[in-house]
Amino acid sequence: PEKIEICREFKAASNLKYELLSDSNNEVATIYGLVYELPKAAKET
């Protein structure tokens, strides 16, 4: 779900040879039934 620029930075920093796809608002993850919200304690930590 990260922004394209974050994906681009991570791909370059890690020298990945494959593509990262930015799933804005978790739209694809949602139709695949995968989305959940990180719990409050996790957010705080």
All heavy atoms as atom14 arrays in JSON, in Angstrom:
{
  "sequence": "PEKIEICREFKAASNLKYELLSDSNNEVATIYGLVYELPKAAKET",
  "atom14_mask": [
    [1, 1, 1, 1, 1, 1, 1, 0, 0, 0, 0, 0, 0, 0],
    [1, 1, 1, 1, 1, 1, 1, 1, 1, 0, 0, 0, 0, 0],
    [1, 1, 1, 1, 1, 1, 1, 1, 1, 0, 0, 0, 0, 0],
    [1, 1, 1, 1, 1, 1, 1, 1, 0, 0, 0, 0, 0, 0],
    [1, 1, 1, 1, 1, 1, 1, 1, 1, 0, 0, 0, 0, 0],
    [1, 1, 1, 1, 1, 1, 1, 1, 0, 0, 0, 0, 0, 0],
    [1, 1, 1, 1, 1, 1, 0, 0, 0, 0, 0, 0, 0, 0],
    [1, 1, 1, 1, 1, 1, 1, 1, 1, 1, 1, 0, 0, 0],
    [1, 1, 1, 1, 1, 1, 1, 1, 1, 0, 0, 0, 0, 0],
    [1, 1, 1, 1, 1, 1, 1, 1, 1, 1, 1, 0, 0, 0],
    [1, 1, 1, 1, 1, 1, 1, 1, 1, 0, 0, 0, 0, 0],
    [1, 1, 1, 1, 1, 0, 0, 0, 0, 0, 0, 0, 0, 0],
    [1, 1, 1, 1, 1, 0, 0, 0, 0, 0, 0, 0, 0, 0],
    [1, 1, 1, 1, 1, 1, 0, 0, 0, 0, 0, 0, 0, 0],
    [1, 1, 1, 1, 1, 1, 1, 1, 0, 0, 0, 0, 0, 0],
    [1, 1, 1, 1, 1, 1, 1, 1, 0, 0, 0, 0, 0, 0],
    [1, 1, 1, 1, 1, 1, 1, 1, 1, 0, 0, 0, 0, 0],
    [1, 1, 1, 1, 1, 1, 1, 1, 1, 1, 1, 1, 0, 0],
    [1, 1, 1, 1, 1, 1, 1, 1, 1, 0, 0, 0, 0, 0],
    [1, 1, 1, 1, 1, 1, 1, 1, 0, 0, 0, 0, 0, 0],
    [1, 1, 1, 1, 1, 1, 1, 1, 0, 0, 0, 0, 0, 0],
    [1, 1, 1, 1, 1, 1, 0, 0, 0, 0, 0, 0, 0, 0],
    [1, 1, 1, 1, 1, 1, 1, 1, 0, 0, 0, 0, 0, 0],
    [1, 1, 1, 1, 1, 1, 0, 0, 0, 0, 0, 0, 0, 0],
    [1, 1, 1, 1, 1, 1, 1, 1, 0, 0, 0, 0, 0, 0],
    [1, 1, 1, 1, 1, 1, 1, 1, 0, 0, 0, 0, 0, 0],
    [1, 1, 1, 1, 1, 1, 1, 1, 1, 0, 0, 0, 0, 0],
    [1, 1, 1, 1, 1, 1, 1, 0, 0, 0, 0, 0, 0, 0],
    [1, 1, 1, 1, 1, 0, 0, 0, 0, 0, 0, 0, 0, 0],
    [1, 1, 1, 1, 1, 1, 1, 0, 0, 0, 0, 0, 0, 0],
    [1, 1, 1, 1, 1, 1, 1, 1, 0, 0, 0, 0, 0, 0],
    [1, 1, 1, 1, 1, 1, 1, 1, 1, 1, 1, 1, 0, 0],
    [1, 1, 1, 1, 0, 0, 0, 0, 0, 0, 0, 0, 0, 0],
    [1, 1, 1, 1, 1, 1, 1, 1, 0, 0, 0, 0, 0, 0],
    [1, 1, 1, 1, 1, 1, 1, 0, 0, 0, 0, 0, 0, 0],
    [1, 1, 1, 1, 1, 1, 1, 1, 1, 1, 1, 1, 0, 0],
    [1, 1, 1, 1, 1, 1, 1, 1, 1, 0, 0, 0, 0, 0],
    [1, 1, 1, 1, 1, 1, 1, 1, 0, 0, 0, 0, 0, 0],
    [1, 1, 1, 1, 1, 1, 1, 0, 0, 0, 0, 0, 0, 0],
    [1, 1, 1, 1, 1, 1, 1, 1, 1, 0, 0, 0, 0, 0],
    [1, 1, 1, 1, 1, 0, 0, 0, 0, 0, 0, 0, 0, 0],
    [1, 1, 1, 1, 1, 0, 0, 0, 0, 0, 0, 0, 0, 0],
    [1, 1, 1, 1, 1, 1, 1, 1, 1, 0, 0, 0, 0, 0],
    [1, 1, 1, 1, 1, 1, 1, 1, 1, 0, 0, 0, 0, 0],
    [1, 1, 1, 1, 1, 1, 1, 0, 0, 0, 0, 0, 0, 0]
  ],
  "atom14_positions": [
    [[0.81, -1.23, 0.0], [0.0, 0.0, 0.0], [0.84, 1.28, 0.0], [0.28, 2.38, -0.08], [-0.81, -0.12, 1.3], [0.02, -0.97, 2.19], [0.67, -1.96, 1.27], [0.0, 0.0, 0.0], [0.0, 0.0, 0.0], [0.0, 0.0, 0.0], [0.0, 0.0, 0.0], [0.0, 0.0, 0.0], [0.0, 0.0, 0.0], [0.0, 0.0, 0.0]],
    [[2.15, 1.15, 0.05], [2.99, 2.34, 0.11], [2.97, 3.15, -1.19], [2.71, 2.61, -2.27], [4.43, 1.95, 0.45], [4.58, 1.45, 1.87], [6.02, 1.2, 2.26], [6.8, 0.73, 1.42], [6.36, 1.47, 3.42], [0.0, 0.0, 0.0], [0.0, 0.0, 0.0], [0.0, 0.0, 0.0], [0.0, 0.0, 0.0], [0.0, 0.0, 0.0]],
    [[3.25, 4.42, -1.06], [3.26, 5.32, -2.21], [4.34, 4.91, -3.22], [5.34, 4.28, -2.85], [3.55, 6.76, -1.75], [2.51, 7.35, -0.83], [2.82, 8.78, -0.44], [4.06, 8.88, 0.42], [4.31, 10.28, 0.87], [0.0, 0.0, 0.0], [0.0, 0.0, 0.0], [0.0, 0.0, 0.0], [0.0, 0.0, 0.0], [0.0, 0.0, 0.0]],
    [[4.14, 5.28, -4.47], [5.08, 4.92, -5.53], [6.49, 5.39, -5.21], [7.47, 4.67, -5.42], [4.62, 5.48, -6.9], [3.43, 4.68, -7.43], [5.76, 5.42, -7.91], [2.91, 5.16, -8.76], [0.0, 0.0, 0.0], [0.0, 0.0, 0.0], [0.0, 0.0, 0.0], [0.0, 0.0, 0.0], [0.0, 0.0, 0.0], [0.0, 0.0, 0.0]],
    [[6.61, 6.62, -4.69], [7.96, 7.13, -4.42], [8.67, 6.33, -3.33], [9.89, 6.14, -3.38], [7.92, 8.62, -4.05], [6.98, 8.99, -2.95], [5.63, 9.47, -3.46], [5.11, 8.89, -4.42], [5.11, 10.45, -2.86], [0.0, 0.0, 0.0], [0.0, 0.0, 0.0], [0.0, 0.0, 0.0], [0.0, 0.0, 0.0], [0.0, 0.0, 0.0]],
    [[7.92, 5.8, -2.38], [8.51, 4.95, -1.34], [8.96, 3.63, -1.96], [10.04, 3.12, -1.67], [7.51, 4.7, -0.2], [7.06, 6.02, 0.44], [8.12, 3.77, 0.85], [8.14, 6.79, 1.14], [0.0, 0.0, 0.0], [0.0, 0.0, 0.0], [0.0, 0.0, 0.0], [0.0, 0.0, 0.0], [0.0, 0.0, 0.0], [0.0, 0.0, 0.0]],
    [[8.11, 3.08, -2.83], [8.47, 1.84, -3.54], [9.73, 2.04, -4.37], [10.63, 1.19, -4.38], [7.32, 1.41, -4.45], [5.8, 0.91, -3.62], [0.0, 0.0, 0.0], [0.0, 0.0, 0.0], [0.0, 0.0, 0.0], [0.0, 0.0, 0.0], [0.0, 0.0, 0.0], [0.0, 0.0, 0.0], [0.0, 0.0, 0.0], [0.0, 0.0, 0.0]],
    [[9.78, 3.17, -5.05], [10.92, 3.46, -5.92], [12.21, 3.56, -5.11], [13.25, 3.0, -5.48], [10.67, 4.75, -6.69], [11.72, 5.08, -7.73], [11.42, 6.4, -8.42], [10.15, 6.36, -9.11], [9.11, 7.15, -8.83], [9.19, 8.05, -7.87], [7.98, 7.06, -9.51], [0.0, 0.0, 0.0], [0.0, 0.0, 0.0], [0.0, 0.0, 0.0]],
    [[12.14, 4.25, -3.98], [13.32, 4.41, -3.12], [13.79, 3.07, -2.58], [15.0, 2.79, -2.56], [12.99, 5.37, -1.97], [12.79, 6.81, -2.39], [12.23, 7.67, -1.29], [12.07, 7.15, -0.14], [11.92, 8.85, -1.54], [0.0, 0.0, 0.0], [0.0, 0.0, 0.0], [0.0, 0.0, 0.0], [0.0, 0.0, 0.0], [0.0, 0.0, 0.0]],
    [[12.84, 2.25, -2.13], [13.22, 0.96, -1.56], [13.8, 0.04, -2.63], [14.79, -0.65, -2.39], [12.03, 0.29, -0.9], [12.37, -1.04, -0.3], [13.06, -1.12, 0.91], [12.03, -2.23, -0.94], [13.4, -2.36, 1.46], [12.38, -3.45, -0.41], [13.06, -3.52, 0.79], [0.0, 0.0, 0.0], [0.0, 0.0, 0.0], [0.0, 0.0, 0.0]],
    [[13.19, 0.03, -3.81], [13.69, -0.81, -4.9], [15.12, -0.43, -5.26], [15.98, -1.3, -5.45], [12.79, -0.68, -6.13], [13.18, -1.57, -7.31], [12.17, -1.42, -8.45], [12.45, -2.4, -9.57], [13.7, -2.1, -10.29], [0.0, 0.0, 0.0], [0.0, 0.0, 0.0], [0.0, 0.0, 0.0], [0.0, 0.0, 0.0], [0.0, 0.0, 0.0]],
    [[15.39, 0.86, -5.35], [16.73, 1.33, -5.7], [17.73, 1.0, -4.59], [18.84, 0.53, -4.85], [16.71, 2.83, -5.96], [0.0, 0.0, 0.0], [0.0, 0.0, 0.0], [0.0, 0.0, 0.0], [0.0, 0.0, 0.0], [0.0, 0.0, 0.0], [0.0, 0.0, 0.0], [0.0, 0.0, 0.0], [0.0, 0.0, 0.0], [0.0, 0.0, 0.0]],
    [[17.35, 1.25, -3.34], [18.24, 1.01, -2.21], [18.59, -0.46, -2.05], [19.69, -0.81, -1.61], [17.62, 1.55, -0.93], [0.0, 0.0, 0.0], [0.0, 0.0, 0.0], [0.0, 0.0, 0.0], [0.0, 0.0, 0.0], [0.0, 0.0, 0.0], [0.0, 0.0, 0.0], [0.0, 0.0, 0.0], [0.0, 0.0, 0.0], [0.0, 0.0, 0.0]],
    [[17.63, -1.32, -2.42], [17.82, -2.77, -2.27], [18.31, -3.44, -3.54], [18.55, -4.65, -3.55], [16.51, -3.41, -1.82], [16.03, -2.84, -0.62], [0.0, 0.0, 0.0], [0.0, 0.0, 0.0], [0.0, 0.0, 0.0], [0.0, 0.0, 0.0], [0.0, 0.0, 0.0], [0.0, 0.0, 0.0], [0.0, 0.0, 0.0], [0.0, 0.0, 0.0]],
    [[18.42, -2.66, -4.63], [18.87, -3.19, -5.93], [18.01, -4.38, -6.38], [18.54, -5.39, -6.87], [20.34, -3.6, -5.86], [21.27, -2.42, -5.66], [21.18, -1.42, -6.37], [22.15, -2.51, -4.68], [0.0, 0.0, 0.0], [0.0, 0.0, 0.0], [0.0, 0.0, 0.0], [0.0, 0.0, 0.0], [0.0, 0.0, 0.0], [0.0, 0.0, 0.0]],
    [[16.72, -4.25, -6.22], [15.82, -5.33, -6.6], [15.71, -5.42, -8.13], [15.63, -4.41, -8.82], [14.44, -5.13, -5.99], [14.37, -5.08, -4.46], [12.92, -4.88, -4.01], [14.94, -6.35, -3.84], [0.0, 0.0, 0.0], [0.0, 0.0, 0.0], [0.0, 0.0, 0.0], [0.0, 0.0, 0.0], [0.0, 0.0, 0.0], [0.0, 0.0, 0.0]],
    [[15.65, -6.65, -8.62], [15.57, -6.88, -10.07], [14.12, -7.11, -10.53], [13.9, -7.46, -11.69], [16.43, -8.09, -10.45], [17.92, -7.89, -10.17], [18.76, -9.06, -10.65], [18.57, -10.31, -9.8], [19.1, -10.15, -8.42], [0.0, 0.0, 0.0], [0.0, 0.0, 0.0], [0.0, 0.0, 0.0], [0.0, 0.0, 0.0], [0.0, 0.0, 0.0]],
    [[13.18, -6.97, -9.64], [11.77, -7.14, -10.0], [10.99, -5.91, -9.55], [11.49, -5.08, -8.79], [11.19, -8.42, -9.38], [11.22, -8.46, -7.86], [10.12, -8.05, -7.12], [12.34, -8.91, -7.17], [10.13, -8.1, -5.73], [12.37, -8.96, -5.79], [11.27, -8.55, -5.06], [11.29, -8.59, -3.7], [0.0, 0.0, 0.0], [0.0, 0.0, 0.0]],
    [[9.75, -5.82, -10.02], [8.98, -4.6, -9.78], [8.12, -4.67, -8.51], [7.6, -5.71, -8.13], [8.08, -4.28, -10.97], [8.74, -3.44, -12.04], [9.19, -2.07, -11.53], [8.65, -1.58, -10.51], [10.08, -1.48, -12.16], [0.0, 0.0, 0.0], [0.0, 0.0, 0.0], [0.0, 0.0, 0.0], [0.0, 0.0, 0.0], [0.0, 0.0, 0.0]],
    [[7.99, -3.48, -7.9], [7.09, -3.27, -6.78], [5.89, -2.49, -7.31], [6.04, -1.54, -8.07], [7.79, -2.47, -5.67], [9.15, -3.0, -5.2], [9.7, -2.09, -4.1], [9.05, -4.43, -4.72], [0.0, 0.0, 0.0], [0.0, 0.0, 0.0], [0.0, 0.0, 0.0], [0.0, 0.0, 0.0], [0.0, 0.0, 0.0], [0.0, 0.0, 0.0]],
    [[4.7, -2.9, -6.89], [3.47, -2.26, -7.35], [2.81, -1.52, -6.18], [2.64, -2.08, -5.11], [2.5, -3.29, -7.91], [3.03, -4.19, -9.03], [1.94, -5.15, -9.49], [3.56, -3.38, -10.2], [0.0, 0.0, 0.0], [0.0, 0.0, 0.0], [0.0, 0.0, 0.0], [0.0, 0.0, 0.0], [0.0, 0.0, 0.0], [0.0, 0.0, 0.0]],
    [[2.47, -0.26, -6.42], [1.84, 0.56, -5.39], [0.33, 0.38, -5.41], [-0.33, 0.73, -6.39], [2.19, 2.03, -5.61], [1.51, 2.86, -4.68], [0.0, 0.0, 0.0], [0.0, 0.0, 0.0], [0.0, 0.0, 0.0], [0.0, 0.0, 0.0], [0.0, 0.0, 0.0], [0.0, 0.0, 0.0], [0.0, 0.0, 0.0], [0.0, 0.0, 0.0]],
    [[-0.2, -0.19, -4.33], [-1.63, -0.47, -4.21], [-2.28, 0.6, -3.35], [-2.54, 0.4, -2.16], [-1.82, -1.87, -3.6], [-3.28, -2.28, -3.5], [-4.11, -1.68, -4.2], [-3.56, -3.22, -2.73], [0.0, 0.0, 0.0], [0.0, 0.0, 0.0], [0.0, 0.0, 0.0], [0.0, 0.0, 0.0], [0.0, 0.0, 0.0], [0.0, 0.0, 0.0]],
    [[-2.51, 1.76, -3.96], [-3.07, 2.9, -3.24], [-4.39, 2.55, -2.57], [-5.28, 1.95, -3.19], [-3.27, 4.06, -4.22], [-3.83, 5.17, -3.57], [0.0, 0.0, 0.0], [0.0, 0.0, 0.0], [0.0, 0.0, 0.0], [0.0, 0.0, 0.0], [0.0, 0.0, 0.0], [0.0, 0.0, 0.0], [0.0, 0.0, 0.0], [0.0, 0.0, 0.0]],
    [[-4.49, 2.89, -1.3], [-5.7, 2.62, -0.5], [-6.02, 1.13, -0.37], [-7.14, 0.76, -0.05], [-6.92, 3.35, -1.09], [-6.76, 4.85, -1.06], [-6.35, 5.43, -0.06], [-7.07, 5.5, -2.17], [0.0, 0.0, 0.0], [0.0, 0.0, 0.0], [0.0, 0.0, 0.0], [0.0, 0.0, 0.0], [0.0, 0.0, 0.0], [0.0, 0.0, 0.0]],
    [[-5.01, 0.29, -0.63], [-5.19, -1.16, -0.49], [-6.35, -1.69, -1.34], [-7.03, -2.64, -0.96], [-5.44, -1.53, 0.97], [-4.17, -1.68, 1.77], [-3.32, -2.51, 1.46], [-4.04, -0.87, 2.81], [0.0, 0.0, 0.0], [0.0, 0.0, 0.0], [0.0, 0.0, 0.0], [0.0, 0.0, 0.0], [0.0, 0.0, 0.0], [0.0, 0.0, 0.0]],
    [[-6.54, -1.09, -2.5], [-7.69, -1.48, -3.33], [-7.6, -2.93, -3.8], [-8.6, -3.66, -3.77], [-7.82, -0.53, -4.52], [-8.23, 0.88, -4.1], [-8.38, 1.83, -5.27], [-8.22, 1.37, -6.43], [-8.66, 3.02, -5.04], [0.0, 0.0, 0.0], [0.0, 0.0, 0.0], [0.0, 0.0, 0.0], [0.0, 0.0, 0.0], [0.0, 0.0, 0.0]],
    [[-6.42, -3.36, -4.23], [-6.28, -4.74, -4.69], [-6.26, -5.69, -3.5], [-6.91, -6.75, -3.53], [-4.99, -4.91, -5.54], [-4.78, -6.37, -5.9], [-5.09, -4.06, -6.8], [0.0, 0.0, 0.0], [0.0, 0.0, 0.0], [0.0, 0.0, 0.0], [0.0, 0.0, 0.0], [0.0, 0.0, 0.0], [0.0, 0.0, 0.0], [0.0, 0.0, 0.0]],
    [[-5.55, -5.34, -2.45], [-5.53, -6.18, -1.25], [-6.93, -6.38, -0.7], [-7.27, -7.44, -0.18], [-4.62, -5.56, -0.18], [0.0, 0.0, 0.0], [0.0, 0.0, 0.0], [0.0, 0.0, 0.0], [0.0, 0.0, 0.0], [0.0, 0.0, 0.0], [0.0, 0.0, 0.0], [0.0, 0.0, 0.0], [0.0, 0.0, 0.0], [0.0, 0.0, 0.0]],
    [[-7.78, -5.37, -0.86], [-9.16, -5.47, -0.38], [-9.95, -6.5, -1.17], [-10.65, -7.34, -0.59], [-9.87, -4.1, -0.46], [-9.22, -3.19, 0.44], [-11.34, -4.22, -0.07], [0.0, 0.0, 0.0], [0.0, 0.0, 0.0], [0.0, 0.0, 0.0], [0.0, 0.0, 0.0], [0.0, 0.0, 0.0], [0.0, 0.0, 0.0], [0.0, 0.0, 0.0]],
    [[-9.82, -6.48, -2.5], [-10.6, -7.45, -3.3], [-10.06, -8.87, -3.13], [-10.75, -9.84, -3.42], [-10.67, -7.06, -4.79], [-9.29, -7.09, -5.44], [-11.33, -5.71, -4.96], [-9.31, -6.89, -6.96], [0.0, 0.0, 0.0], [0.0, 0.0, 0.0], [0.0, 0.0, 0.0], [0.0, 0.0, 0.0], [0.0, 0.0, 0.0], [0.0, 0.0, 0.0]],
    [[-8.81, -8.97, -2.62], [-8.25, -10.28, -2.32], [-8.49, -10.69, -0.86], [-8.02, -11.73, -0.42], [-6.75, -10.31, -2.65], [-6.48, -10.6, -4.11], [-6.72, -9.63, -5.09], [-6.02, -11.83, -4.54], [-6.5, -9.89, -6.44], [-5.79, -12.11, -5.88], [-6.03, -11.13, -6.82], [-5.81, -11.4, -8.17], [0.0, 0.0, 0.0], [0.0, 0.0, 0.0]],
    [[-9.23, -9.86, -0.13], [-9.62, -10.2, 1.24], [-8.51, -10.13, 2.27], [-8.58, -10.81, 3.3], [0.0, 0.0, 0.0], [0.0, 0.0, 0.0], [0.0, 0.0, 0.0], [0.0, 0.0, 0.0], [0.0, 0.0, 0.0], [0.0, 0.0, 0.0], [0.0, 0.0, 0.0], [0.0, 0.0, 0.0], [0.0, 0.0, 0.0], [0.0, 0.0, 0.0]],
    [[-7.51, -9.29, 2.04], [-6.31, -9.33, 2.86], [-6.14, -8.17, 3.83], [-5.22, -8.18, 4.65], [-5.07, -9.36, 1.94], [-4.98, -10.52, 0.95], [-3.76, -10.33, 0.04], [-4.9, -11.85, 1.68], [0.0, 0.0, 0.0], [0.0, 0.0, 0.0], [0.0, 0.0, 0.0], [0.0, 0.0, 0.0], [0.0, 0.0, 0.0], [0.0, 0.0, 0.0]],
    [[-6.98, -7.16, 3.79], [-6.71, -5.92, 4.52], [-7.16, -5.96, 5.98], [-8.27, -6.39, 6.3], [-7.37, -4.72, 3.82], [-7.1, -3.43, 4.58], [-6.84, -4.59, 2.39], [0.0, 0.0, 0.0], [0.0, 0.0, 0.0], [0.0, 0.0, 0.0], [0.0, 0.0, 0.0], [0.0, 0.0, 0.0], [0.0, 0.0, 0.0], [0.0, 0.0, 0.0]],
    [[-6.26, -5.5, 6.85], [-6.61, -5.32, 8.27], [-5.89, -4.08, 8.78], [-4.92, -3.62, 8.2], [-6.23, -6.55, 9.1], [-4.74, -6.78, 9.26], [-4.08, -6.44, 10.44], [-3.99, -7.36, 8.23], [-2.72, -6.67, 10.59], [-2.63, -7.59, 8.38], [-2.0, -7.24, 9.56], [-0.65, -7.46, 9.7], [0.0, 0.0, 0.0], [0.0, 0.0, 0.0]],
    [[-6.38, -3.54, 9.89], [-5.77, -2.35, 10.47], [-4.84, -2.76, 11.61], [-5.2, -3.6, 12.44], [-6.84, -1.39, 11.0], [-6.27, -0.08, 11.51], [-7.35, 0.95, 11.84], [-8.54, 0.6, 11.74], [-6.99, 2.09, 12.18], [0.0, 0.0, 0.0], [0.0, 0.0, 0.0], [0.0, 0.0, 0.0], [0.0, 0.0, 0.0], [0.0, 0.0, 0.0]],
    [[-3.67, -2.16, 11.63], [-2.74, -2.43, 12.71], [-3.37, -1.98, 14.04], [-3.97, -0.9, 14.1], [-1.42, -1.71, 12.48], [-0.59, -2.21, 11.3], [0.62, -1.3, 11.09], [-0.13, -3.64, 11.52], [0.0, 0.0, 0.0], [0.0, 0.0, 0.0], [0.0, 0.0, 0.0], [0.0, 0.0, 0.0], [0.0, 0.0, 0.0], [0.0, 0.0, 0.0]],
    [[-3.28, -2.79, 15.08], [-3.9, -2.44, 16.36], [-3.28, -1.19, 16.99], [-2.14, -0.8, 16.68], [-3.67, -3.68, 17.23], [-2.54, -4.41, 16.58], [-2.62, -4.11, 15.12], [0.0, 0.0, 0.0], [0.0, 0.0, 0.0], [0.0, 0.0, 0.0], [0.0, 0.0, 0.0], [0.0, 0.0, 0.0], [0.0, 0.0, 0.0], [0.0, 0.0, 0.0]],
    [[-4.04, -0.58, 17.89], [-3.62, 0.68, 18.52], [-2.25, 0.57, 19.17], [-1.41, 1.46, 19.01], [-4.66, 1.1, 19.56], [-4.33, 2.41, 20.26], [-5.39, 2.78, 21.29], [-5.03, 4.07, 22.01], [-6.04, 4.41, 23.05], [0.0, 0.0, 0.0], [0.0, 0.0, 0.0], [0.0, 0.0, 0.0], [0.0, 0.0, 0.0], [0.0, 0.0, 0.0]],
    [[-2.0, -0.5, 19.88], [-0.71, -0.66, 20.57], [0.44, -0.71, 19.57], [1.53, -0.18, 19.82], [-0.71, -1.92, 21.42], [0.0, 0.0, 0.0], [0.0, 0.0, 0.0], [0.0, 0.0, 0.0], [0.0, 0.0, 0.0], [0.0, 0.0, 0.0], [0.0, 0.0, 0.0], [0.0, 0.0, 0.0], [0.0, 0.0, 0.0], [0.0, 0.0, 0.0]],
    [[0.19, -1.33, 18.42], [1.22, -1.41, 17.38], [1.49, -0.02, 16.81], [2.66, 0.35, 16.56], [0.8, -2.37, 16.28], [0.0, 0.0, 0.0], [0.0, 0.0, 0.0], [0.0, 0.0, 0.0], [0.0, 0.0, 0.0], [0.0, 0.0, 0.0], [0.0, 0.0, 0.0], [0.0, 0.0, 0.0], [0.0, 0.0, 0.0], [0.0, 0.0, 0.0]],
    [[0.43, 0.75, 16.6], [0.6, 2.11, 16.1], [1.44, 2.94, 17.05], [2.35, 3.67, 16.65], [-0.77, 2.79, 15.91], [-1.68, 2.14, 14.9], [-3.02, 2.86, 14.87], [-4.04, 2.11, 14.05], [-5.36, 2.79, 14.07], [0.0, 0.0, 0.0], [0.0, 0.0, 0.0], [0.0, 0.0, 0.0], [0.0, 0.0, 0.0], [0.0, 0.0, 0.0]],
    [[1.13, 2.82, 18.34], [1.85, 3.61, 19.34], [3.32, 3.21, 19.4], [4.21, 4.07, 19.47], [1.19, 3.43, 20.71], [-0.2, 4.03, 20.79], [-0.92, 3.7, 22.09], [-0.42, 2.82, 22.83], [-1.96, 4.32, 22.36], [0.0, 0.0, 0.0], [0.0, 0.0, 0.0], [0.0, 0.0, 0.0], [0.0, 0.0, 0.0], [0.0, 0.0, 0.0]],
    [[3.58, 1.9, 19.36], [4.96, 1.43, 19.45], [5.75, 1.82, 18.2], [6.88, 2.32, 18.29], [5.01, -0.1, 19.63], [4.29, -0.45, 20.81], [6.44, -0.59, 19.75], [0.0, 0.0, 0.0], [0.0, 0.0, 0.0], [0.0, 0.0, 0.0], [0.0, 0.0, 0.0], [0.0, 0.0, 0.0], [0.0, 0.0, 0.0], [0.0, 0.0, 0.0]]
  ]
}
